[in-house]
Amino acid sequence: MINHVVMFKMADPDEIGEAVERIGAMAGRIPTLNSIHVGRDINRGPAAFDVVLVTEHDDEDALKGYATHPVHLELLEWLKPRWTERAVVDTAEFV
């Protein structure tokens, strides 16, 4: 199992809600996406990001299939110009 974790800092705080909605709308639309969790930050500390995404995939090939799927690429087209920073971690396990 691969867990794909992405955090975003958004340029416009007013677009955080829409980003969460658009990211969450990928659920059920990409065959290699087993689960998706997305939420907005409530911490608001100086090290905090605005949005976090956690997806689960069977293996690295499934993650690659997700990354290149048209639904994901369409989301990125909207999202890329709106984030100022992004961090990504892909892990084979959580303990």
C-alpha atoms as a PDB file:
ATOM      1  CA  MET A   1       0.000   0.000   0.000  1.00  0.00           C
ATOM      2  CA  ILE A   2       1.274   3.477  -0.887  1.00  0.00           C
ATOM      3  CA  ASN A   3       0.104   6.585   0.963  1.00  0.00           C
ATOM      4  CA  HIS A   4       0.476   9.817  -0.992  1.00  0.00           C
ATOM      5  CA  VAL A   5       0.460  12.901   1.241  1.00  0.00           C
ATOM      6  CA  VAL A   6       0.416  16.414  -0.238  1.00  0.00           C
ATOM      7  CA  MET A   7       0.203  19.760   1.555  1.00  0.00           C
ATOM      8  CA  PHE A   8      -0.519  23.061  -0.170  1.00  0.00           C
ATOM      9  CA  LYS A   9      -0.150  26.706   0.763  1.00  0.00           C
ATOM     10  CA  MET A  10      -2.659  28.656  -1.280  1.00  0.00           C
ATOM     11  CA  ALA A  11      -2.030  32.130  -2.691  1.00  0.00           C
ATOM     12  CA  ASP A  12      -5.588  33.273  -1.932  1.00  0.00           C
ATOM     13  CA  PRO A  13      -7.135  32.105   1.363  1.00  0.00           C
ATOM     14  CA  ASP A  14     -10.577  32.612  -0.175  1.00  0.00           C
ATOM     15  CA  GLU A  15      -9.864  29.687  -2.556  1.00  0.00           C
ATOM     16  CA  ILE A  16      -9.042  27.132   0.154  1.00  0.00           C
ATOM     17  CA  GLY A  17     -12.626  25.856   0.344  1.00  0.00           C
ATOM     18  CA  GLU A  18     -12.871  25.459  -3.409  1.00  0.00           C
ATOM     19  CA  ALA A  19      -9.531  23.652  -3.486  1.00  0.00           C
ATOM     20  CA  VAL A  20     -10.759  21.174  -0.854  1.00  0.00           C
ATOM     21  CA  GLU A  21     -13.976  20.603  -2.819  1.00  0.00           C
ATOM     22  CA  ARG A  22     -12.201  20.128  -6.152  1.00  0.00           C
ATOM     23  CA  ILE A  23      -9.636  17.743  -4.677  1.00  0.00           C
ATOM     24  CA  GLY A  24     -12.331  15.733  -2.903  1.00  0.00           C
ATOM     25  CA  ALA A  25     -14.310  15.480  -6.145  1.00  0.00           C
ATOM     26  CA  MET A  26     -11.684  13.041  -7.479  1.00  0.00           C
ATOM     27  CA  ALA A  27     -13.185  10.337  -5.218  1.00  0.00           C
ATOM     28  CA  GLY A  28     -14.628   7.482  -7.235  1.00  0.00           C
ATOM     29  CA  ARG A  29     -13.396   8.875 -10.540  1.00  0.00           C
ATOM     30  CA  ILE A  30      -9.896   7.360 -10.731  1.00  0.00           C
ATOM     31  CA  PRO A  31      -9.645   3.545 -10.704  1.00  0.00           C
ATOM     32  CA  THR A  32      -6.240   3.395  -8.967  1.00  0.00           C
ATOM     33  CA  LEU A  33      -7.327   5.762  -6.167  1.00  0.00           C
ATOM     34  CA  ASN A  34      -8.395   3.483  -3.290  1.00  0.00           C
ATOM     35  CA  SER A  35      -9.200   6.249  -0.808  1.00  0.00           C
ATOM     36  CA  ILE A  36      -8.921   9.996  -0.487  1.00  0.00           C
ATOM     37  CA  HIS A  37      -8.968  12.318   2.517  1.00  0.00           C
ATOM     38  CA  VAL A  38      -8.683  16.071   2.141  1.00  0.00           C
ATOM     39  CA  GLY A  39      -9.070  18.876   4.625  1.00  0.00           C
ATOM     40  CA  ARG A  40      -8.256  22.455   5.465  1.00  0.00           C
ATOM     41  CA  ASP A  41      -5.910  23.573   8.198  1.00  0.00           C
ATOM     42  CA  ILE A  42      -7.308  24.739  11.544  1.00  0.00           C
ATOM     43  CA  ASN A  43      -3.886  25.421  13.124  1.00  0.00           C
ATOM     44  CA  ARG A  44      -2.968  28.626  11.263  1.00  0.00           C
ATOM     45  CA  GLY A  45       0.520  28.602  12.816  1.00  0.00           C
ATOM     46  CA  PRO A  46       3.510  29.945  10.877  1.00  0.00           C
ATOM     47  CA  ALA A  47       4.608  26.460   9.742  1.00  0.00           C
ATOM     48  CA  ALA A  48       1.085  25.368   8.767  1.00  0.00           C
ATOM     49  CA  PHE A  49      -0.088  24.585   5.258  1.00  0.00           C
ATOM     50  CA  ASP A  50      -3.632  25.416   4.115  1.00  0.00           C
ATOM     51  CA  VAL A  51      -4.770  22.093   2.631  1.00  0.00           C
ATOM     52  CA  VAL A  52      -3.715  18.482   3.144  1.00  0.00           C
ATOM     53  CA  LEU A  53      -4.479  15.531   0.870  1.00  0.00           C
ATOM     54  CA  VAL A  54      -3.905  11.862   1.716  1.00  0.00           C
ATOM     55  CA  THR A  55      -4.594   9.224  -0.917  1.00  0.00           C
ATOM     56  CA  GLU A  56      -4.072   5.474  -0.811  1.00  0.00           C
ATOM     57  CA  HIS A  57      -2.956   3.302  -3.744  1.00  0.00           C
ATOM     58  CA  ASP A  58      -2.191  -0.407  -4.106  1.00  0.00           C
ATOM     59  CA  ASP A  59       1.400   0.105  -5.256  1.00  0.00           C
ATOM     60  CA  GLU A  60       3.741   2.496  -7.048  1.00  0.00           C
ATOM     61  CA  ASP A  61       2.250   1.668 -10.451  1.00  0.00           C
ATOM     62  CA  ALA A  62      -1.202   2.567  -9.129  1.00  0.00           C
ATOM     63  CA  LEU A  63       0.184   5.866  -7.809  1.00  0.00           C
ATOM     64  CA  LYS A  64       1.673   6.577 -11.242  1.00  0.00           C
ATOM     65  CA  GLY A  65      -1.691   5.762 -12.824  1.00  0.00           C
ATOM     66  CA  TYR A  66      -3.360   8.267 -10.495  1.00  0.00           C
ATOM     67  CA  ALA A  67      -0.743  10.925 -11.236  1.00  0.00           C
ATOM     68  CA  THR A  68      -1.299  10.676 -14.998  1.00  0.00           C
ATOM     69  CA  HIS A  69      -5.086  10.168 -14.971  1.00  0.00           C
ATOM     70  CA  PRO A  70      -7.034  12.895 -16.842  1.00  0.00           C
ATOM     71  CA  VAL A  71      -9.162  13.725 -13.764  1.00  0.00           C
ATOM     72  CA  HIS A  72      -6.013  14.366 -11.714  1.00  0.00           C
ATOM     73  CA  LEU A  73      -4.368  16.319 -14.520  1.00  0.00           C
ATOM     74  CA  GLU A  74      -7.474  18.519 -14.871  1.00  0.00           C
ATOM     75  CA  LEU A  75      -7.340  19.282 -11.144  1.00  0.00           C
ATOM     76  CA  LEU A  76      -3.646  20.169 -11.368  1.00  0.00           C
ATOM     77  CA  GLU A  77      -4.369  22.549 -14.225  1.00  0.00           C
ATOM     78  CA  TRP A  78      -6.679  24.510 -11.908  1.00  0.00           C
ATOM     79  CA  LEU A  79      -4.609  24.078  -8.736  1.00  0.00           C
ATOM     80  CA  LYS A  80      -1.000  24.753  -9.849  1.00  0.00           C
ATOM     81  CA  PRO A  81      -1.362  28.494 -10.436  1.00  0.00           C
ATOM     82  CA  ARG A  82      -3.129  28.836  -7.076  1.00  0.00           C
ATOM     83  CA  TRP A  83      -0.572  27.293  -4.719  1.00  0.00           C
ATOM     84  CA  THR A  84       2.511  29.100  -3.497  1.00  0.00           C
ATOM     85  CA  GLU A  85       4.117  26.070  -1.892  1.00  0.00           C
ATOM     86  CA  ARG A  86       3.623  22.304  -1.961  1.00  0.00           C
ATOM     87  CA  ALA A  87       5.153  19.419  -0.021  1.00  0.00           C
ATOM     88  CA  VAL A  88       4.792  15.743  -0.982  1.00  0.00           C
ATOM     89  CA  VAL A  89       5.560  12.508   0.869  1.00  0.00           C
ATOM     90  CA  ASP A  90       4.916   9.015  -0.529  1.00  0.00           C
ATOM     91  CA  THR A  91       5.216   6.264   2.040  1.00  0.00           C
ATOM     92  CA  ALA A  92       4.834   2.496   1.848  1.00  0.00           C
ATOM     93  CA  GLU A  93       3.472   2.335   5.375  1.00  0.00           C
ATOM     94  CA  PHE A  94       2.241   4.263   8.356  1.00  0.00           C
ATOM     95  CA  VAL A  95       3.064   2.951  11.832  1.00  0.00           C
END
